[in-house]
Amino acid sequence: MISVRLTQEEEHKLNQVAKEENMSKTDIIKRALMYYFDERRERKTAYDLGEDFFGRHGSGKGNLSEDYKTIVKERLREKHSR
């Protein structure tokens, strides 16, 4: 058993919908919760949304994250030796 505190406006809207739909307030709240749970389960993460784009335009060099310091040093040496 659970109790929910509603504002007067929320309670008025709930009563109105219950009357229009010929449903109990409990059934409306249960449906709303199920809708919320379904939406939450289907919600995609940022990774899921962009998964098709990741790695699409890579450099072809798999060591960049590991050897970045060495790569930067080499590029700086090249730049300053000109």
Protein backbone atom coordinates (compact mmCIF):
# COMPACT_ATOMS: atom_id res chain seq x y z
CA MET A 1 0.00 0.00 0.00
CA ILE A 2 1.26 3.45 -0.86
CA SER A 3 -0.16 6.91 -0.43
CA VAL A 4 0.59 9.84 -2.69
CA ARG A 5 0.24 13.52 -1.90
CA LEU A 6 -1.17 15.55 -4.75
CA THR A 7 -1.67 19.26 -5.11
CA GLN A 8 -5.24 20.44 -5.43
CA GLU A 9 -4.67 21.01 -9.14
CA GLU A 10 -3.28 17.49 -9.65
CA GLU A 11 -6.13 15.95 -7.70
CA HIS A 12 -8.68 17.97 -9.69
CA LYS A 13 -7.13 16.79 -12.99
CA LEU A 14 -7.04 13.19 -11.76
CA ASN A 15 -10.71 13.35 -10.74
CA GLN A 16 -11.60 14.88 -14.10
CA VAL A 17 -9.77 12.19 -16.09
CA ALA A 18 -11.24 9.44 -13.92
CA LYS A 19 -14.73 10.75 -14.61
CA GLU A 20 -14.10 11.21 -18.37
CA GLU A 21 -12.51 7.76 -18.79
CA ASN A 22 -14.91 6.04 -16.38
CA MET A 23 -11.93 4.59 -14.50
CA SER A 24 -10.86 4.56 -10.89
CA LYS A 25 -8.10 6.92 -9.80
CA THR A 26 -6.08 3.89 -8.75
CA ASP A 27 -6.24 2.40 -12.24
CA ILE A 28 -5.16 5.69 -13.80
CA ILE A 29 -2.19 5.97 -11.45
CA LYS A 30 -1.21 2.32 -12.10
CA ARG A 31 -1.33 2.93 -15.86
CA ALA A 32 0.74 6.07 -15.50
CA LEU A 33 3.37 4.18 -13.52
CA MET A 34 3.52 1.36 -16.07
CA TYR A 35 3.90 3.92 -18.85
CA TYR A 36 6.73 5.59 -16.91
CA PHE A 37 8.49 2.26 -16.30
CA ASP A 38 8.22 1.30 -19.98
CA GLU A 39 9.56 4.68 -21.12
CA ARG A 40 12.43 4.46 -18.66
CA ARG A 41 13.39 0.96 -19.83
CA GLU A 42 13.39 2.03 -23.49
CA ARG A 43 15.37 5.22 -22.88
CA LYS A 44 18.65 5.12 -24.75
CA THR A 45 21.97 6.32 -23.44
CA ALA A 46 24.12 8.86 -25.24
CA TYR A 47 26.36 5.99 -26.32
CA ASP A 48 23.40 4.06 -27.79
CA LEU A 49 22.31 7.13 -29.77
CA GLY A 50 25.77 7.77 -31.26
CA GLU A 51 27.03 4.22 -31.57
CA ASP A 52 26.79 4.25 -35.38
CA PHE A 53 29.13 7.25 -35.56
CA PHE A 54 31.90 6.08 -33.22
CA GLY A 55 35.06 4.97 -34.98
CA ARG A 56 33.67 5.92 -38.35
CA HIS A 57 36.36 8.41 -39.25
CA GLY A 58 39.33 7.04 -37.36
CA SER A 59 42.96 7.70 -38.08
CA GLY A 60 43.74 4.04 -38.55
CA LYS A 61 46.34 4.27 -35.80
CA GLY A 62 45.29 2.22 -32.80
CA ASN A 63 48.04 3.52 -30.51
CA LEU A 64 47.14 7.22 -30.30
CA SER A 65 45.74 7.12 -26.77
CA GLU A 66 48.71 5.14 -25.46
CA ASP A 67 51.53 6.97 -27.27
CA TYR A 68 50.16 10.49 -27.38
CA LYS A 69 53.04 12.00 -25.37
CA THR A 70 55.64 10.55 -27.70
CA ILE A 71 53.66 11.63 -30.77
CA VAL A 72 53.29 15.21 -29.46
CA LYS A 73 57.01 15.43 -28.65
CA GLU A 74 57.93 14.24 -32.14
CA ARG A 75 55.61 16.76 -33.78
CA LEU A 76 56.98 19.59 -31.65
CA ARG A 77 60.56 18.62 -32.54
CA GLU A 78 59.61 18.59 -36.23
CA LYS A 79 57.92 21.96 -35.96
CA HIS A 80 60.82 23.67 -34.17
CA SER A 81 63.56 22.08 -36.31
CA ARG A 82 62.32 23.77 -39.48
